[in-house]
Amino acid sequence: MPDPQQPAPADRSDSDDVEQHACPKCDAQPGSPCRSRGGAVASAYHTRRFTKVPRLKKALRVPTPADRGPGRPWRPGTPPPAPIDTDLPSADIRIGYARCSTLGQELDSQLDALSKHGISRDKIFSEKISTRVRVRPRFEEALRTAREVKAHAPHCRVIFTVYEMKRLGRDAAELTALADHLTAHGLVLEMLSGPLPGIYDPGCRSAGPRTSGSPGPSRAAHLRHTAHRRIPRAAAGHG
């Protein structure tokens, strides 16, 4: 039996575990941060809530992470997905993301490609926003959903799917950071088109996308290497 005082797995944070529970003090439901008396997102989770997590019972304070917006007007969050029976056979679960830069551009071709790839529309997150905007709400929501799905179905491969590489970032540094983030949370990146089509799975020891069997550098490393070759910082950011 795991020690409840041990740190959380790498793909889970304190906030993820705390928000599995409703708060008995402010009535925040699972998937939402705690709420202050003034109606803002609380700066820390209420004690009666975070002590429901065995490994946090002795903690003095569990701060609300920045991505939950402490101090901002409180809004209900997304309820966590229902737990998946771990006795079920493993499967691939895809979360899709589509983006274009301006309101005048269309998303239909990306949405259609993701749908034809087997991703239901309720699991596709889309927005019209430039990659020059560092915080992209639907992109962050897609990543958070992928992390939550992985936390509830650790036996499944959770794949973050986009149509092409430039939907994700303006330069190699952004793509490198994303590759590292996905790897840290046990997630897999997939691109359907462009210079790097295929699945980039850090758990697979193959040299490139859509290959198997031969040893070589991880696909995440291959992605970082190719991104630096294909997207020089000065030329990136179109579309």
C-alpha atoms as a PDB file:
ATOM      1  CA  MET A   1       0.000   0.000   0.000  1.00  0.00           C
ATOM      2  CA  PRO A   2       1.469   3.434  -0.917  1.00  0.00           C
ATOM      3  CA  ASP A   3       2.465   5.727   1.911  1.00  0.00           C
ATOM      4  CA  PRO A   4      -0.121   8.550   2.105  1.00  0.00           C
ATOM      5  CA  GLN A   5       2.594  10.939   3.230  1.00  0.00           C
ATOM      6  CA  GLN A   6       4.630  10.412   0.064  1.00  0.00           C
ATOM      7  CA  PRO A   7       4.578  13.136  -2.623  1.00  0.00           C
ATOM      8  CA  ALA A   8       1.944  13.026  -5.320  1.00  0.00           C
ATOM      9  CA  PRO A   9       2.749  11.287  -8.619  1.00  0.00           C
ATOM     10  CA  ALA A  10       4.503  13.467 -11.199  1.00  0.00           C
ATOM     11  CA  ASP A  11       1.324  13.875 -13.254  1.00  0.00           C
ATOM     12  CA  ARG A  12      -0.687  15.273 -10.311  1.00  0.00           C
ATOM     13  CA  SER A  13      -0.375  18.404  -8.199  1.00  0.00           C
ATOM     14  CA  ASP A  14      -1.655  19.274  -4.730  1.00  0.00           C
ATOM     15  CA  SER A  15      -4.401  21.374  -6.309  1.00  0.00           C
ATOM     16  CA  ASP A  16      -5.512  18.496  -8.545  1.00  0.00           C
ATOM     17  CA  ASP A  17      -5.878  16.235  -5.521  1.00  0.00           C
ATOM     18  CA  VAL A  18      -7.598  18.858  -3.358  1.00  0.00           C
ATOM     19  CA  GLU A  19     -10.087  19.705  -6.098  1.00  0.00           C
ATOM     20  CA  GLN A  20     -11.212  16.095  -6.261  1.00  0.00           C
ATOM     21  CA  HIS A  21     -13.243  16.969  -3.162  1.00  0.00           C
ATOM     22  CA  ALA A  22     -16.013  19.487  -2.464  1.00  0.00           C
ATOM     23  CA  CYS A  23     -15.190  22.154   0.117  1.00  0.00           C
ATOM     24  CA  PRO A  24     -17.277  21.880   3.295  1.00  0.00           C
ATOM     25  CA  LYS A  25     -16.603  25.538   4.139  1.00  0.00           C
ATOM     26  CA  CYS A  26     -17.325  27.464   0.916  1.00  0.00           C
ATOM     27  CA  ASP A  27     -19.311  24.753  -0.956  1.00  0.00           C
ATOM     28  CA  ALA A  28     -16.937  24.832  -3.950  1.00  0.00           C
ATOM     29  CA  GLN A  29     -17.592  21.674  -5.936  1.00  0.00           C
ATOM     30  CA  PRO A  30     -14.982  19.246  -7.334  1.00  0.00           C
ATOM     31  CA  GLY A  31     -12.994  20.857 -10.122  1.00  0.00           C
ATOM     32  CA  SER A  32     -13.261  24.376  -8.663  1.00  0.00           C
ATOM     33  CA  PRO A  33     -10.908  26.380  -6.415  1.00  0.00           C
ATOM     34  CA  CYS A  34     -12.063  27.576  -3.026  1.00  0.00           C
ATOM     35  CA  ARG A  35     -14.049  30.801  -2.780  1.00  0.00           C
ATOM     36  CA  SER A  36     -13.494  33.710  -0.402  1.00  0.00           C
ATOM     37  CA  ARG A  37     -16.275  35.481   1.489  1.00  0.00           C
ATOM     38  CA  GLY A  38     -15.982  38.362  -0.971  1.00  0.00           C
ATOM     39  CA  GLY A  39     -16.682  36.092  -3.949  1.00  0.00           C
ATOM     40  CA  ALA A  40     -13.123  35.877  -5.280  1.00  0.00           C
ATOM     41  CA  VAL A  41     -10.897  32.861  -5.809  1.00  0.00           C
ATOM     42  CA  ALA A  42      -9.292  32.243  -2.410  1.00  0.00           C
ATOM     43  CA  SER A  43      -5.529  32.582  -2.083  1.00  0.00           C
ATOM     44  CA  ALA A  44      -5.366  29.143  -0.445  1.00  0.00           C
ATOM     45  CA  TYR A  45      -7.582  26.085  -0.115  1.00  0.00           C
ATOM     46  CA  HIS A  46      -9.616  25.835   3.064  1.00  0.00           C
ATOM     47  CA  THR A  47      -8.156  23.540   5.694  1.00  0.00           C
ATOM     48  CA  ARG A  48     -11.227  21.332   5.965  1.00  0.00           C
ATOM     49  CA  ARG A  49     -10.945  20.669   2.250  1.00  0.00           C
ATOM     50  CA  PHE A  50      -7.240  19.967   1.760  1.00  0.00           C
ATOM     51  CA  THR A  51      -7.070  17.717   4.814  1.00  0.00           C
ATOM     52  CA  LYS A  52      -9.355  15.301   2.968  1.00  0.00           C
ATOM     53  CA  VAL A  53      -6.233  14.388   0.984  1.00  0.00           C
ATOM     54  CA  PRO A  54      -4.333  11.918   3.200  1.00  0.00           C
ATOM     55  CA  ARG A  55      -0.847  13.141   2.343  1.00  0.00           C
ATOM     56  CA  LEU A  56      -1.865  16.765   3.082  1.00  0.00           C
ATOM     57  CA  LYS A  57      -3.419  16.150   6.508  1.00  0.00           C
ATOM     58  CA  LYS A  58      -0.408  17.654   8.298  1.00  0.00           C
ATOM     59  CA  ALA A  59       0.035  20.582   5.896  1.00  0.00           C
ATOM     60  CA  LEU A  60      -0.434  24.045   7.379  1.00  0.00           C
ATOM     61  CA  ARG A  61      -1.468  25.705   4.124  1.00  0.00           C
ATOM     62  CA  VAL A  62      -2.045  24.718   0.505  1.00  0.00           C
ATOM     63  CA  PRO A  63      -1.888  27.797  -1.770  1.00  0.00           C
ATOM     64  CA  THR A  64      -4.128  28.159  -4.787  1.00  0.00           C
ATOM     65  CA  PRO A  65      -1.938  27.930  -7.938  1.00  0.00           C
ATOM     66  CA  ALA A  66      -1.680  30.918 -10.250  1.00  0.00           C
ATOM     67  CA  ASP A  67      -3.555  29.199 -13.088  1.00  0.00           C
ATOM     68  CA  ARG A  68      -6.682  29.093 -10.871  1.00  0.00           C
ATOM     69  CA  GLY A  69      -6.638  32.906 -10.670  1.00  0.00           C
ATOM     70  CA  PRO A  70      -6.408  33.680  -6.942  1.00  0.00           C
ATOM     71  CA  GLY A  71      -7.946  37.078  -6.207  1.00  0.00           C
ATOM     72  CA  ARG A  72     -10.010  37.099  -9.392  1.00  0.00           C
ATOM     73  CA  PRO A  73     -13.821  36.794  -9.385  1.00  0.00           C
ATOM     74  CA  TRP A  74     -14.714  33.183  -8.599  1.00  0.00           C
ATOM     75  CA  ARG A  75     -16.270  31.057 -11.321  1.00  0.00           C
ATOM     76  CA  PRO A  76     -17.107  27.342 -11.223  1.00  0.00           C
ATOM     77  CA  GLY A  77     -14.397  25.161 -12.713  1.00  0.00           C
ATOM     78  CA  THR A  78     -14.670  22.045 -14.844  1.00  0.00           C
ATOM     79  CA  PRO A  79     -15.694  18.974 -12.825  1.00  0.00           C
ATOM     80  CA  PRO A  80     -13.043  16.253 -12.983  1.00  0.00           C
ATOM     81  CA  PRO A  81     -13.791  13.343 -15.319  1.00  0.00           C
ATOM     82  CA  ALA A  82     -15.427  10.323 -13.754  1.00  0.00           C
ATOM     83  CA  PRO A  83     -12.840   7.735 -12.659  1.00  0.00           C
ATOM     84  CA  ILE A  84     -12.192   4.988 -15.182  1.00  0.00           C
ATOM     85  CA  ASP A  85     -12.091   1.382 -14.040  1.00  0.00           C
ATOM     86  CA  THR A  86      -8.412   0.425 -13.990  1.00  0.00           C
ATOM     87  CA  ASP A  87      -9.401  -3.152 -14.874  1.00  0.00           C
ATOM     88  CA  LEU A  88     -10.520  -1.944 -18.282  1.00  0.00           C
ATOM     89  CA  PRO A  89      -8.104  -2.575 -21.150  1.00  0.00           C
ATOM     90  CA  SER A  90      -5.857   0.368 -21.918  1.00  0.00           C
ATOM     91  CA  ALA A  91      -6.735   2.582 -24.840  1.00  0.00           C
ATOM     92  CA  ASP A  92      -5.722   5.799 -26.554  1.00  0.00           C
ATOM     93  CA  ILE A  93      -7.636   8.907 -25.456  1.00  0.00           C
ATOM     94  CA  ARG A  94      -7.199  11.972 -27.644  1.00  0.00           C
ATOM     95  CA  ILE A  95      -7.679  15.628 -26.758  1.00  0.00           C
ATOM     96  CA  GLY A  96      -7.688  17.917 -29.794  1.00  0.00           C
ATOM     97  CA  TYR A  97      -6.657  21.542 -30.167  1.00  0.00           C
ATOM     98  CA  ALA A  98      -7.248  23.874 -33.132  1.00  0.00           C
ATOM     99  CA  ARG A  99      -6.107  27.470 -33.508  1.00  0.00           C
ATOM    100  CA  CYS A 100      -5.909  30.264 -36.044  1.00  0.00           C
ATOM    101  CA  SER A 101      -4.570  33.766 -35.513  1.00  0.00           C
ATOM    102  CA  THR A 102      -7.369  36.113 -36.634  1.00  0.00           C
ATOM    103  CA  LEU A 103     -11.157  36.257 -36.603  1.00  0.00           C
ATOM    104  CA  GLY A 104     -11.147  36.297 -40.399  1.00  0.00           C
ATOM    105  CA  GLN A 105      -9.444  32.906 -40.647  1.00  0.00           C
ATOM    106  CA  GLU A 106     -11.407  29.664 -40.550  1.00  0.00           C
ATOM    107  CA  LEU A 107     -11.044  26.718 -38.201  1.00  0.00           C
ATOM    108  CA  ASP A 108     -13.299  24.280 -40.061  1.00  0.00           C
ATOM    109  CA  SER A 109     -10.514  22.440 -41.895  1.00  0.00           C
ATOM    110  CA  GLN A 110      -8.638  21.779 -38.637  1.00  0.00           C
ATOM    111  CA  LEU A 111     -11.809  20.773 -36.785  1.00  0.00           C
ATOM    112  CA  ASP A 112     -12.806  18.425 -39.613  1.00  0.00           C
ATOM    113  CA  ALA A 113      -9.346  16.807 -39.674  1.00  0.00           C
ATOM    114  CA  LEU A 114      -9.397  16.249 -35.907  1.00  0.00           C
ATOM    115  CA  SER A 115     -12.938  14.841 -36.074  1.00  0.00           C
ATOM    116  CA  LYS A 116     -12.016  12.474 -38.896  1.00  0.00           C
ATOM    117  CA  HIS A 117      -9.131  11.308 -36.729  1.00  0.00           C
ATOM    118  CA  GLY A 118     -11.664  10.021 -34.222  1.00  0.00           C
ATOM    119  CA  ILE A 119     -11.809  12.929 -31.755  1.00  0.00           C
ATOM    120  CA  SER A 120     -15.326  13.915 -30.727  1.00  0.00           C
ATOM    121  CA  ARG A 121     -16.154  17.622 -30.899  1.00  0.00           C
ATOM    122  CA  ASP A 122     -16.599  17.861 -27.121  1.00  0.00           C
ATOM    123  CA  LYS A 123     -12.928  16.870 -26.755  1.00  0.00           C
ATOM    124  CA  ILE A 124     -11.666  19.454 -29.257  1.00  0.00           C
ATOM    125  CA  PHE A 125     -10.699  22.893 -27.928  1.00  0.00           C
ATOM    126  CA  SER A 126     -10.455  25.717 -30.452  1.00  0.00           C
ATOM    127  CA  GLU A 127      -9.804  29.452 -30.466  1.00  0.00           C
ATOM    128  CA  LYS A 128      -8.919  32.344 -32.718  1.00  0.00           C
ATOM    129  CA  ILE A 129      -5.922  33.940 -31.079  1.00  0.00           C
ATOM    130  CA  SER A 130      -2.372  34.830 -32.102  1.00  0.00           C
ATOM    131  CA  THR A 131       0.574  32.888 -30.737  1.00  0.00           C
ATOM    132  CA  ARG A 132       1.935  36.308 -29.766  1.00  0.00           C
ATOM    133  CA  VAL A 133      -0.595  36.162 -26.925  1.00  0.00           C
ATOM    134  CA  ARG A 134       1.253  34.161 -24.297  1.00  0.00           C
ATOM    135  CA  VAL A 135      -1.848  33.008 -22.400  1.00  0.00           C
ATOM    136  CA  ARG A 136      -4.293  31.224 -24.685  1.00  0.00           C
ATOM    137  CA  PRO A 137      -7.335  30.204 -22.596  1.00  0.00           C
ATOM    138  CA  ARG A 138      -8.570  27.283 -24.696  1.00  0.00           C
ATOM    139  CA  PHE A 139      -5.050  25.947 -25.140  1.00  0.00           C
ATOM    140  CA  GLU A 140      -4.535  25.995 -21.368  1.00  0.00           C
ATOM    141  CA  GLU A 141      -7.932  24.354 -20.886  1.00  0.00           C
ATOM    142  CA  ALA A 142      -7.037  21.599 -23.362  1.00  0.00           C
ATOM    143  CA  LEU A 143      -3.765  20.893 -21.541  1.00  0.00           C
ATOM    144  CA  ARG A 144      -5.513  20.855 -18.180  1.00  0.00           C
ATOM    145  CA  THR A 145      -8.147  18.456 -19.493  1.00  0.00           C
ATOM    146  CA  ALA A 146      -5.441  16.146 -20.850  1.00  0.00           C
ATOM    147  CA  ARG A 147      -3.691  16.157 -17.462  1.00  0.00           C
ATOM    148  CA  GLU A 148      -6.950  15.394 -15.642  1.00  0.00           C
ATOM    149  CA  VAL A 149      -7.831  12.550 -17.999  1.00  0.00           C
ATOM    150  CA  LYS A 150      -4.366  11.053 -17.515  1.00  0.00           C
ATOM    151  CA  ALA A 151      -4.711  11.332 -13.738  1.00  0.00           C
ATOM    152  CA  HIS A 152      -8.017   9.424 -13.839  1.00  0.00           C
ATOM    153  CA  ALA A 153      -6.888   6.873 -16.431  1.00  0.00           C
ATOM    154  CA  PRO A 154      -3.152   6.334 -15.861  1.00  0.00           C
ATOM    155  CA  HIS A 155      -3.320   3.014 -17.730  1.00  0.00           C
ATOM    156  CA  CYS A 156      -4.393   4.801 -20.933  1.00  0.00           C
ATOM    157  CA  ARG A 157      -2.255   6.732 -23.379  1.00  0.00           C
ATOM    158  CA  VAL A 158      -3.534  10.326 -23.478  1.00  0.00           C
ATOM    159  CA  ILE A 159      -2.660  12.015 -26.769  1.00  0.00           C
ATOM    160  CA  PHE A 160      -2.673  15.787 -27.317  1.00  0.00           C
ATOM    161  CA  THR A 161      -3.488  16.136 -31.021  1.00  0.00           C
ATOM    162  CA  VAL A 162      -3.137  19.159 -33.311  1.00  0.00           C
ATOM    163  CA  TYR A 163      -3.364  19.522 -37.066  1.00  0.00           C
ATOM    164  CA  GLU A 164       0.180  20.829 -37.498  1.00  0.00           C
ATOM    165  CA  MET A 165       3.139  22.109 -35.513  1.00  0.00           C
ATOM    166  CA  LYS A 166       2.567  25.846 -36.005  1.00  0.00           C
ATOM    167  CA  ARG A 167      -0.812  25.612 -34.243  1.00  0.00           C
ATOM    168  CA  LEU A 168       1.187  25.251 -31.015  1.00  0.00           C
ATOM    169  CA  GLY A 169       3.747  28.048 -30.884  1.00  0.00           C
ATOM    170  CA  ARG A 170       5.823  30.692 -32.607  1.00  0.00           C
ATOM    171  CA  ASP A 171       9.298  29.310 -32.106  1.00  0.00           C
ATOM    172  CA  ALA A 172      11.398  26.339 -31.116  1.00  0.00           C
ATOM    173  CA  ALA A 173      11.641  27.494 -27.496  1.00  0.00           C
ATOM    174  CA  GLU A 174       7.854  27.303 -27.070  1.00  0.00           C
ATOM    175  CA  LEU A 175       7.691  23.864 -28.668  1.00  0.00           C
ATOM    176  CA  THR A 176      10.555  22.635 -26.514  1.00  0.00           C
ATOM    177  CA  ALA A 177       8.769  23.855 -23.384  1.00  0.00           C
ATOM    178  CA  LEU A 178       5.557  22.165 -24.486  1.00  0.00           C
ATOM    179  CA  ALA A 179       7.352  18.885 -25.236  1.00  0.00           C
ATOM    180  CA  ASP A 180       8.913  18.953 -21.763  1.00  0.00           C
ATOM    181  CA  HIS A 181       5.563  19.755 -20.131  1.00  0.00           C
ATOM    182  CA  LEU A 182       3.812  16.876 -21.893  1.00  0.00           C
ATOM    183  CA  THR A 183       6.627  14.479 -21.003  1.00  0.00           C
ATOM    184  CA  ALA A 184       6.511  15.529 -17.341  1.00  0.00           C
ATOM    185  CA  HIS A 185       2.784  14.742 -17.177  1.00  0.00           C
ATOM    186  CA  GLY A 186       2.942  11.461 -19.069  1.00  0.00           C
ATOM    187  CA  LEU A 187       1.184  12.869 -22.134  1.00  0.00           C
ATOM    188  CA  VAL A 188       1.852  12.262 -25.823  1.00  0.00           C
ATOM    189  CA  LEU A 189       1.922  14.792 -28.665  1.00  0.00           C
ATOM    190  CA  GLU A 190       0.491  14.053 -32.114  1.00  0.00           C
ATOM    191  CA  MET A 191       0.496  16.169 -35.270  1.00  0.00           C
ATOM    192  CA  LEU A 192      -1.604  15.206 -38.266  1.00  0.00           C
ATOM    193  CA  SER A 193       0.219  17.236 -40.937  1.00  0.00           C
ATOM    194  CA  GLY A 194       3.129  19.580 -41.566  1.00  0.00           C
ATOM    195  CA  PRO A 195       6.880  18.858 -41.345  1.00  0.00           C
ATOM    196  CA  LEU A 196       6.540  16.589 -38.286  1.00  0.00           C
ATOM    197  CA  PRO A 197       3.475  14.361 -38.673  1.00  0.00           C
ATOM    198  CA  GLY A 198       3.085  11.520 -36.229  1.00  0.00           C
ATOM    199  CA  ILE A 199       3.008  10.624 -32.559  1.00  0.00           C
ATOM    200  CA  TYR A 200       5.817  11.759 -30.266  1.00  0.00           C
ATOM    201  CA  ASP A 201       5.704   9.448 -27.278  1.00  0.00           C
ATOM    202  CA  PRO A 202       8.484   9.846 -24.666  1.00  0.00           C
ATOM    203  CA  GLY A 203       7.815   6.280 -23.592  1.00  0.00           C
ATOM    204  CA  CYS A 204       8.645   4.906 -27.034  1.00  0.00           C
ATOM    205  CA  ARG A 205      12.302   4.458 -27.971  1.00  0.00           C
ATOM    206  CA  SER A 206      12.059   5.022 -31.695  1.00  0.00           C
ATOM    207  CA  ALA A 207      13.911   7.496 -33.850  1.00  0.00           C
ATOM    208  CA  GLY A 208      11.020   9.380 -35.421  1.00  0.00           C
ATOM    209  CA  PRO A 209       7.286   9.665 -35.885  1.00  0.00           C
ATOM    210  CA  ARG A 210       5.135   6.676 -36.796  1.00  0.00           C
ATOM    211  CA  THR A 211       7.992   4.191 -36.514  1.00  0.00           C
ATOM    212  CA  SER A 212       8.661   1.371 -34.113  1.00  0.00           C
ATOM    213  CA  GLY A 213      11.067  -1.375 -33.275  1.00  0.00           C
ATOM    214  CA  SER A 214      14.459   0.231 -33.738  1.00  0.00           C
ATOM    215  CA  PRO A 215      16.283   1.821 -30.794  1.00  0.00           C
ATOM    216  CA  GLY A 216      17.158   5.479 -30.927  1.00  0.00           C
ATOM    217  CA  PRO A 217      16.494   8.849 -29.313  1.00  0.00           C
ATOM    218  CA  SER A 218      13.051   9.455 -27.844  1.00  0.00           C
ATOM    219  CA  ARG A 219      10.455  11.075 -30.037  1.00  0.00           C
ATOM    220  CA  ALA A 220      10.233  14.038 -27.680  1.00  0.00           C
ATOM    221  CA  ALA A 221      13.963  14.636 -28.221  1.00  0.00           C
ATOM    222  CA  HIS A 222      13.451  14.205 -31.961  1.00  0.00           C
ATOM    223  CA  LEU A 223      10.681  16.803 -31.833  1.00  0.00           C
ATOM    224  CA  ARG A 224      12.902  19.298 -30.017  1.00  0.00           C
ATOM    225  CA  HIS A 225      15.745  18.730 -32.472  1.00  0.00           C
ATOM    226  CA  THR A 226      13.555  19.087 -35.549  1.00  0.00           C
ATOM    227  CA  ALA A 227      11.678  22.087 -34.160  1.00  0.00           C
ATOM    228  CA  HIS A 228      14.947  23.979 -33.793  1.00  0.00           C
ATOM    229  CA  ARG A 229      15.824  23.167 -37.409  1.00  0.00           C
ATOM    230  CA  ARG A 230      12.394  23.906 -38.857  1.00  0.00           C
ATOM    231  CA  ILE A 231      11.297  26.962 -36.875  1.00  0.00           C
ATOM    232  CA  PRO A 232      14.018  29.568 -36.473  1.00  0.00           C
ATOM    233  CA  ARG A 233      12.825  32.189 -34.004  1.00  0.00           C
ATOM    234  CA  ALA A 234      12.909  35.075 -36.447  1.00  0.00           C
ATOM    235  CA  ALA A 235      10.805  33.305 -39.059  1.00  0.00           C
ATOM    236  CA  ALA A 236       8.219  31.677 -36.821  1.00  0.00           C
ATOM    237  CA  GLY A 237       4.724  32.799 -35.990  1.00  0.00           C
ATOM    238  CA  HIS A 238       2.859  32.779 -39.292  1.00  0.00           C
ATOM    239  CA  GLY A 239      -0.709  31.502 -39.041  1.00  0.00           C
END
